[in-house]
């Protein structure tokens, strides 16, 4: 019985430290993404949701929310004709991104999340790598 209790406690300690390390890596990756985006776009992860907020003239312009489990990390890419990094939904879910435009007071569903980086294209490769990593970390 004593061995069973020790084994169970060891498993809980291991799982707790793994979860803590994973949260630290998610925060570190999110911080890298935010640094690359330069301040007008803020990315955060909260309760299984990836939240991307776009600011214009210091005010919130747009907020996209997507459940990370519905994003396809491998389909994340840079589209040069749109100057955007695109995070796509899985095929199972057509409309996994909830976009709210605050200026026009509209809310719609989309099958992808786009992050405009026009004028800052030099960070595109790093952004794609870090978004793929973030999605995969959050899906574990």
N, C-alpha and C. Protein backbone atom coordinates (compact mmCIF):
# COMPACT_ATOMS: atom_id res chain seq x y z
N UNK A 1 0.82 -1.19 0.00
CA UNK A 1 0.00 0.00 0.00
C UNK A 1 0.87 1.25 0.00
N UNK A 2 1.94 1.19 0.79
CA UNK A 2 2.84 2.34 0.86
C UNK A 2 3.45 2.63 -0.51
N UNK A 3 3.84 1.57 -1.23
CA UNK A 3 4.43 1.74 -2.57
C UNK A 3 3.43 2.36 -3.53
N UNK A 4 2.17 1.96 -3.40
CA UNK A 4 1.12 2.52 -4.26
C UNK A 4 0.96 4.02 -4.02
N UNK A 5 0.93 4.41 -2.76
CA UNK A 5 0.78 5.83 -2.42
C UNK A 5 1.98 6.63 -2.94
N UNK A 6 3.17 6.11 -2.75
CA UNK A 6 4.38 6.79 -3.23
C UNK A 6 4.35 6.90 -4.75
N UNK A 7 3.91 5.84 -5.42
CA UNK A 7 3.84 5.85 -6.89
C UNK A 7 2.84 6.89 -7.39
N UNK A 8 1.68 6.94 -6.75
CA UNK A 8 0.65 7.91 -7.14
C UNK A 8 1.15 9.33 -6.92
N UNK A 9 1.77 9.59 -5.77
CA UNK A 9 2.30 10.92 -5.49
C UNK A 9 3.39 11.30 -6.50
N UNK A 10 4.24 10.36 -6.85
CA UNK A 10 5.30 10.61 -7.83
C UNK A 10 4.71 10.98 -9.18
N UNK A 11 3.66 10.28 -9.59
CA UNK A 11 3.00 10.59 -10.87
C UNK A 11 2.41 11.99 -10.83
N UNK A 12 1.74 12.36 -9.74
CA UNK A 12 1.17 13.70 -9.64
C UNK A 12 2.25 14.78 -9.68
N UNK A 13 3.35 14.54 -9.01
CA UNK A 13 4.45 15.52 -9.02
C UNK A 13 5.02 15.65 -10.42
N UNK A 14 5.20 14.53 -11.09
CA UNK A 14 5.73 14.55 -12.46
C UNK A 14 4.79 15.28 -13.40
N UNK A 15 3.49 14.98 -13.33
CA UNK A 15 2.52 15.63 -14.20
C UNK A 15 2.42 17.13 -13.91
N UNK A 16 2.49 17.48 -12.65
CA UNK A 16 2.45 18.89 -12.27
C UNK A 16 3.64 19.66 -12.80
N UNK A 17 4.81 19.07 -12.71
CA UNK A 17 6.01 19.76 -13.21
C UNK A 17 6.00 19.82 -14.72
N UNK A 18 5.46 18.78 -15.39
CA UNK A 18 5.34 18.80 -16.86
C UNK A 18 4.40 19.91 -17.30
N UNK A 19 3.25 20.02 -16.63
CA UNK A 19 2.27 21.06 -16.97
C UNK A 19 2.87 22.45 -16.75
N UNK A 20 3.62 22.62 -15.68
CA UNK A 20 4.25 23.91 -15.39
C UNK A 20 5.28 24.25 -16.47
N UNK A 21 6.08 23.27 -16.86
CA UNK A 21 7.09 23.49 -17.91
C UNK A 21 6.42 23.81 -19.23
N UNK A 22 5.31 23.14 -19.53
CA UNK A 22 4.59 23.40 -20.77
C UNK A 22 4.01 24.82 -20.76
N UNK A 23 3.43 25.24 -19.64
CA UNK A 23 2.89 26.60 -19.54
C UNK A 23 3.99 27.64 -19.71
N UNK A 24 5.16 27.36 -19.16
CA UNK A 24 6.29 28.29 -19.30
C UNK A 24 6.72 28.38 -20.77
N UNK A 25 6.72 27.25 -21.47
CA UNK A 25 7.10 27.25 -22.89
C UNK A 25 6.04 27.96 -23.74
N UNK A 26 4.77 27.81 -23.39
CA UNK A 26 3.70 28.53 -24.10
C UNK A 26 3.87 30.02 -23.91
N UNK A 27 4.16 30.45 -22.68
CA UNK A 27 4.35 31.88 -22.41
C UNK A 27 5.57 32.41 -23.16
N UNK A 28 6.65 31.65 -23.15
CA UNK A 28 7.86 32.06 -23.85
C UNK A 28 7.62 32.21 -25.36
N UNK A 29 6.90 31.27 -25.94
CA UNK A 29 6.60 31.32 -27.37
C UNK A 29 5.67 32.49 -27.69
N UNK A 30 4.68 32.70 -26.84
CA UNK A 30 3.76 33.84 -27.03
C UNK A 30 4.53 35.15 -26.93
N UNK A 31 5.44 35.26 -25.98
CA UNK A 31 6.26 36.47 -25.84
C UNK A 31 7.11 36.71 -27.08
N UNK A 32 7.68 35.65 -27.67
CA UNK A 32 8.46 35.78 -28.90
C UNK A 32 7.60 36.31 -30.03
N UNK A 33 6.40 35.74 -30.16
CA UNK A 33 5.47 36.18 -31.22
C UNK A 33 5.13 37.65 -31.03
N UNK A 34 4.79 38.05 -29.82
CA UNK A 34 4.42 39.45 -29.56
C UNK A 34 5.58 40.40 -29.85
N UNK A 35 6.79 39.97 -29.52
CA UNK A 35 7.96 40.81 -29.81
C UNK A 35 8.14 40.96 -31.32
N UNK A 36 7.97 39.87 -32.07
CA UNK A 36 8.09 39.93 -33.53
C UNK A 36 7.01 40.81 -34.14
N UNK A 37 5.82 40.83 -33.55
CA UNK A 37 4.71 41.62 -34.10
C UNK A 37 4.83 43.10 -33.77
N UNK A 38 5.62 43.46 -32.80
CA UNK A 38 5.95 44.86 -32.56
C UNK A 38 4.97 45.71 -31.79
N UNK A 39 3.91 45.17 -31.22
CA UNK A 39 3.07 45.95 -30.32
C UNK A 39 1.68 46.30 -30.81
N UNK A 40 1.44 46.41 -32.11
CA UNK A 40 0.09 46.72 -32.58
C UNK A 40 -0.81 45.50 -32.65
N UNK A 41 -0.20 44.34 -32.56
CA UNK A 41 -0.95 43.08 -32.53
C UNK A 41 -0.47 42.31 -31.30
N UNK A 42 -1.41 41.91 -30.47
CA UNK A 42 -1.09 41.18 -29.23
C UNK A 42 -1.72 39.79 -29.31
N UNK A 43 -0.90 38.78 -29.05
CA UNK A 43 -1.35 37.39 -29.06
C UNK A 43 -1.28 36.86 -27.64
N UNK A 44 -2.33 36.14 -27.24
CA UNK A 44 -2.31 35.50 -25.93
C UNK A 44 -3.10 34.20 -25.99
N UNK A 45 -2.85 33.37 -25.02
CA UNK A 45 -3.52 32.07 -24.92
C UNK A 45 -4.24 32.05 -23.58
N UNK A 46 -5.55 31.77 -23.64
CA UNK A 46 -6.34 31.76 -22.41
C UNK A 46 -7.42 30.69 -22.51
N UNK A 47 -7.40 29.76 -21.59
CA UNK A 47 -8.43 28.73 -21.49
C UNK A 47 -8.73 28.07 -22.84
N UNK A 48 -7.71 27.51 -23.46
CA UNK A 48 -7.81 26.78 -24.72
C UNK A 48 -8.12 27.67 -25.93
N UNK A 49 -8.11 28.97 -25.76
CA UNK A 49 -8.36 29.88 -26.87
C UNK A 49 -7.11 30.68 -27.22
N UNK A 50 -6.87 30.82 -28.51
CA UNK A 50 -5.84 31.72 -28.99
C UNK A 50 -6.55 33.02 -29.30
N UNK A 51 -6.08 34.10 -28.70
CA UNK A 51 -6.72 35.40 -28.87
C UNK A 51 -5.71 36.34 -29.52
N UNK A 52 -6.13 36.96 -30.62
CA UNK A 52 -5.29 37.91 -31.35
C UNK A 52 -6.03 39.24 -31.37
N UNK A 53 -5.41 40.25 -30.77
CA UNK A 53 -6.02 41.59 -30.73
C UNK A 53 -5.19 42.54 -31.59
N UNK A 54 -5.88 43.26 -32.46
CA UNK A 54 -5.25 44.21 -33.36
C UNK A 54 -5.65 45.61 -32.92
N UNK A 55 -4.63 46.46 -32.72
CA UNK A 55 -4.86 47.84 -32.28
C UNK A 55 -4.52 48.81 -33.40
N UNK A 56 -5.33 49.86 -33.54
CA UNK A 56 -5.04 50.95 -34.48
C UNK A 56 -5.22 52.25 -33.71
N UNK A 57 -4.22 53.10 -33.81
CA UNK A 57 -4.22 54.39 -33.10
C UNK A 57 -4.47 54.20 -31.60
N UNK A 58 -3.92 53.13 -31.05
CA UNK A 58 -4.02 52.88 -29.62
C UNK A 58 -5.33 52.28 -29.15
N UNK A 59 -6.27 52.04 -30.06
CA UNK A 59 -7.57 51.49 -29.68
C UNK A 59 -7.76 50.11 -30.30
N UNK A 60 -8.50 49.28 -29.60
CA UNK A 60 -8.77 47.94 -30.09
C UNK A 60 -9.62 48.02 -31.35
N UNK A 61 -9.09 47.48 -32.44
CA UNK A 61 -9.77 47.51 -33.74
C UNK A 61 -10.46 46.17 -34.01
N UNK A 62 -9.75 45.07 -33.72
CA UNK A 62 -10.26 43.74 -34.04
C UNK A 62 -9.77 42.72 -33.03
N UNK A 63 -10.62 41.76 -32.70
CA UNK A 63 -10.22 40.65 -31.83
C UNK A 63 -10.68 39.36 -32.49
N UNK A 64 -9.72 38.46 -32.71
CA UNK A 64 -10.01 37.13 -33.23
C UNK A 64 -9.80 36.13 -32.10
N UNK A 65 -10.73 35.20 -31.99
CA UNK A 65 -10.64 34.13 -30.98
C UNK A 65 -10.82 32.80 -31.69
N UNK A 66 -9.96 31.86 -31.36
CA UNK A 66 -10.07 30.52 -31.95
C UNK A 66 -9.70 29.47 -30.92
N UNK A 67 -10.49 28.42 -30.83
CA UNK A 67 -10.11 27.30 -29.97
C UNK A 67 -8.92 26.62 -30.62
N UNK A 68 -7.84 26.50 -29.88
CA UNK A 68 -6.59 25.97 -30.41
C UNK A 68 -6.78 24.54 -30.93
N UNK A 69 -7.63 23.78 -30.30
CA UNK A 69 -7.81 22.39 -30.75
C UNK A 69 -8.35 22.31 -32.18
N UNK A 70 -8.94 23.39 -32.69
CA UNK A 70 -9.48 23.40 -34.05
C UNK A 70 -8.53 24.01 -35.08
N UNK A 71 -7.34 24.43 -34.64
CA UNK A 71 -6.37 25.00 -35.59
C UNK A 71 -5.45 23.90 -36.10
N UNK A 72 -5.05 24.02 -37.35
CA UNK A 72 -4.17 23.06 -37.99
C UNK A 72 -2.77 23.66 -38.05
N UNK A 73 -1.90 23.24 -37.15
CA UNK A 73 -0.55 23.80 -37.06
C UNK A 73 0.21 23.64 -38.37
N UNK A 74 0.08 22.49 -39.01
CA UNK A 74 0.83 22.22 -40.24
C UNK A 74 0.38 23.09 -41.41
N UNK A 75 -0.83 23.63 -41.35
CA UNK A 75 -1.33 24.48 -42.43
C UNK A 75 -1.02 25.96 -42.20
N UNK A 76 -0.33 26.28 -41.13
CA UNK A 76 0.05 27.67 -40.86
C UNK A 76 1.10 28.09 -41.88
N UNK A 77 0.88 29.25 -42.51
CA UNK A 77 1.79 29.69 -43.57
C UNK A 77 1.73 31.20 -43.74
N UNK A 78 2.70 31.70 -44.52
CA UNK A 78 2.72 33.10 -44.91
C UNK A 78 2.21 33.20 -46.34
N UNK A 79 1.25 34.11 -46.58
CA UNK A 79 0.73 34.34 -47.93
C UNK A 79 1.23 35.70 -48.41
N UNK A 80 2.19 35.70 -49.34
CA UNK A 80 2.79 36.96 -49.78
C UNK A 80 1.80 37.90 -50.47
N UNK A 81 0.81 37.37 -51.17
CA UNK A 81 -0.15 38.24 -51.85
C UNK A 81 -1.08 38.96 -50.88
N UNK A 82 -1.19 38.44 -49.64
CA UNK A 82 -2.01 39.08 -48.60
C UNK A 82 -1.16 39.75 -47.52
N UNK A 83 0.16 39.57 -47.58
CA UNK A 83 1.09 40.06 -46.56
C UNK A 83 0.68 39.59 -45.17
N UNK A 84 0.24 38.35 -45.09
CA UNK A 84 -0.31 37.84 -43.83
C UNK A 84 0.18 36.45 -43.49
N UNK A 85 0.30 36.23 -42.18
CA UNK A 85 0.48 34.88 -41.65
C UNK A 85 -0.92 34.35 -41.42
N UNK A 86 -1.18 33.14 -41.92
CA UNK A 86 -2.52 32.57 -41.87
C UNK A 86 -2.51 31.30 -41.04
N UNK A 87 -3.40 31.24 -40.07
CA UNK A 87 -3.61 30.05 -39.25
C UNK A 87 -4.95 29.47 -39.67
N UNK A 88 -4.94 28.26 -40.20
CA UNK A 88 -6.15 27.66 -40.74
C UNK A 88 -6.80 26.70 -39.74
N UNK A 89 -8.10 26.56 -39.89
CA UNK A 89 -8.86 25.61 -39.09
C UNK A 89 -8.70 24.21 -39.67
N UNK A 90 -9.00 23.22 -38.85
CA UNK A 90 -8.99 21.85 -39.36
C UNK A 90 -10.17 21.68 -40.31
N UNK A 91 -10.13 20.63 -41.09
CA UNK A 91 -11.21 20.38 -42.05
C UNK A 91 -12.53 20.05 -41.36
N UNK A 92 -12.44 19.59 -40.13
CA UNK A 92 -13.65 19.21 -39.40
C UNK A 92 -14.51 20.42 -39.04
N UNK A 93 -13.87 21.57 -38.88
CA UNK A 93 -14.58 22.76 -38.43
C UNK A 93 -14.45 23.85 -39.48
N UNK A 94 -15.57 24.27 -40.03
CA UNK A 94 -15.54 25.29 -41.08
C UNK A 94 -15.29 26.69 -40.52
N UNK A 95 -15.88 26.99 -39.41
CA UNK A 95 -15.82 28.35 -38.88
C UNK A 95 -15.32 28.35 -37.44
N UNK A 96 -14.02 28.22 -37.28
CA UNK A 96 -13.50 28.11 -35.91
C UNK A 96 -12.97 29.44 -35.37
N UNK A 97 -12.95 30.47 -36.20
CA UNK A 97 -12.43 31.76 -35.76
C UNK A 97 -13.59 32.75 -35.61
N UNK A 98 -13.69 33.30 -34.42
CA UNK A 98 -14.71 34.30 -34.14
C UNK A 98 -14.04 35.66 -34.21
N UNK A 99 -14.41 36.46 -35.20
CA UNK A 99 -13.80 37.78 -35.40
C UNK A 99 -14.80 38.87 -35.06
N UNK A 100 -14.34 39.79 -34.23
CA UNK A 100 -15.17 40.93 -33.87
C UNK A 100 -14.45 42.20 -34.30
N UNK A 101 -15.10 42.98 -35.15
CA UNK A 101 -14.58 44.28 -35.58
C UNK A 101 -15.23 45.35 -34.72
N UNK A 102 -14.46 46.02 -33.92
CA UNK A 102 -15.01 46.98 -32.98
C UNK A 102 -15.42 48.29 -33.65
N UNK A 103 -14.71 48.68 -34.71
CA UNK A 103 -15.02 49.92 -35.40
C UNK A 103 -16.37 49.81 -36.10
N UNK A 104 -16.61 48.68 -36.74
CA UNK A 104 -17.85 48.49 -37.49
C UNK A 104 -18.91 47.74 -36.69
N UNK A 105 -18.58 47.37 -35.48
CA UNK A 105 -19.48 46.65 -34.59
C UNK A 105 -20.08 45.42 -35.26
N UNK A 106 -19.19 44.61 -35.86
CA UNK A 106 -19.60 43.37 -36.52
C UNK A 106 -18.92 42.19 -35.87
N UNK A 107 -19.59 41.05 -35.95
CA UNK A 107 -19.01 39.81 -35.47
C UNK A 107 -19.32 38.73 -36.50
N UNK A 108 -18.27 38.00 -36.94
CA UNK A 108 -18.44 36.97 -37.94
C UNK A 108 -17.56 35.78 -37.63
N UNK A 109 -17.84 34.67 -38.28
CA UNK A 109 -17.06 33.44 -38.15
C UNK A 109 -16.25 33.23 -39.42
N UNK A 110 -15.03 32.76 -39.26
CA UNK A 110 -14.14 32.50 -40.40
C UNK A 110 -13.47 31.15 -40.25
N UNK A 111 -12.94 30.65 -41.36
CA UNK A 111 -12.25 29.36 -41.35
C UNK A 111 -10.74 29.52 -41.22
N UNK A 112 -10.29 30.75 -41.01
CA UNK A 112 -8.86 31.00 -40.82
C UNK A 112 -8.67 32.29 -40.04
N UNK A 113 -7.52 32.39 -39.43
CA UNK A 113 -7.15 33.58 -38.67
C UNK A 113 -5.98 34.22 -39.42
N UNK A 114 -6.11 35.48 -39.81
CA UNK A 114 -5.05 36.15 -40.56
C UNK A 114 -4.41 37.25 -39.72
N UNK A 115 -3.10 37.34 -39.84
CA UNK A 115 -2.34 38.36 -39.12
C UNK A 115 -1.54 39.15 -40.15
N UNK A 116 -1.97 40.36 -40.40
CA UNK A 116 -1.34 41.22 -41.39
C UNK A 116 0.02 41.71 -40.88
N UNK A 117 1.06 41.49 -41.68
CA UNK A 117 2.40 41.95 -41.28
C UNK A 117 3.03 42.80 -42.38
N UNK A 118 2.21 43.46 -43.18
CA UNK A 118 2.72 44.31 -44.26
C UNK A 118 3.67 45.35 -43.68
N UNK A 119 4.84 45.46 -44.30
CA UNK A 119 5.87 46.37 -43.82
C UNK A 119 6.81 45.73 -42.81
N UNK A 120 6.49 44.53 -42.39
CA UNK A 120 7.30 43.81 -41.40
C UNK A 120 7.52 42.36 -41.87
N UNK A 121 7.61 42.19 -43.21
CA UNK A 121 7.69 40.84 -43.79
C UNK A 121 8.95 40.08 -43.39
N UNK A 122 9.96 40.76 -42.90
CA UNK A 122 11.21 40.11 -42.51
C UNK A 122 11.06 39.10 -41.39
N UNK A 123 9.97 39.17 -40.65
CA UNK A 123 9.76 38.26 -39.52
C UNK A 123 8.83 37.10 -39.87
N UNK A 124 8.43 37.02 -41.12
CA UNK A 124 7.42 36.03 -41.51
C UNK A 124 7.81 34.60 -41.18
N UNK A 125 9.05 34.22 -41.49
CA UNK A 125 9.47 32.84 -41.24
C UNK A 125 9.48 32.51 -39.75
N UNK A 126 9.98 33.44 -38.95
CA UNK A 126 10.00 33.23 -37.49
C UNK A 126 8.58 33.16 -36.93
N UNK A 127 7.69 34.00 -37.45
CA UNK A 127 6.30 33.97 -36.98
C UNK A 127 5.64 32.64 -37.30
N UNK A 128 5.82 32.16 -38.52
CA UNK A 128 5.22 30.88 -38.91
C UNK A 128 5.73 29.76 -38.00
N UNK A 129 7.03 29.70 -37.79
CA UNK A 129 7.62 28.66 -36.93
C UNK A 129 7.06 28.75 -35.51
N UNK A 130 6.99 29.96 -34.97
CA UNK A 130 6.52 30.12 -33.59
C UNK A 130 5.03 29.88 -33.45
N UNK A 131 4.22 30.25 -34.44
CA UNK A 131 2.80 29.95 -34.37
C UNK A 131 2.55 28.45 -34.45
N UNK A 132 3.28 27.75 -35.31
CA UNK A 132 3.15 26.29 -35.38
C UNK A 132 3.51 25.67 -34.04
N UNK A 133 4.60 26.15 -33.45
CA UNK A 133 5.03 25.63 -32.15
C UNK A 133 3.98 25.91 -31.08
N UNK A 134 3.44 27.12 -31.06
CA UNK A 134 2.44 27.50 -30.06
C UNK A 134 1.20 26.63 -30.19
N UNK A 135 0.71 26.43 -31.40
CA UNK A 135 -0.48 25.61 -31.61
C UNK A 135 -0.24 24.19 -31.12
N UNK A 136 0.91 23.63 -31.49
CA UNK A 136 1.22 22.26 -31.08
C UNK A 136 1.35 22.13 -29.55
N UNK A 137 2.00 23.11 -28.93
CA UNK A 137 2.13 23.10 -27.47
C UNK A 137 0.76 23.16 -26.79
N UNK A 138 -0.10 24.02 -27.30
CA UNK A 138 -1.41 24.20 -26.69
C UNK A 138 -2.33 23.01 -26.94
N UNK A 139 -2.05 22.23 -27.98
CA UNK A 139 -2.88 21.06 -28.27
C UNK A 139 -2.46 19.82 -27.50
N UNK A 140 -1.30 19.86 -26.84
CA UNK A 140 -0.84 18.68 -26.06
C UNK A 140 -1.65 18.48 -24.81
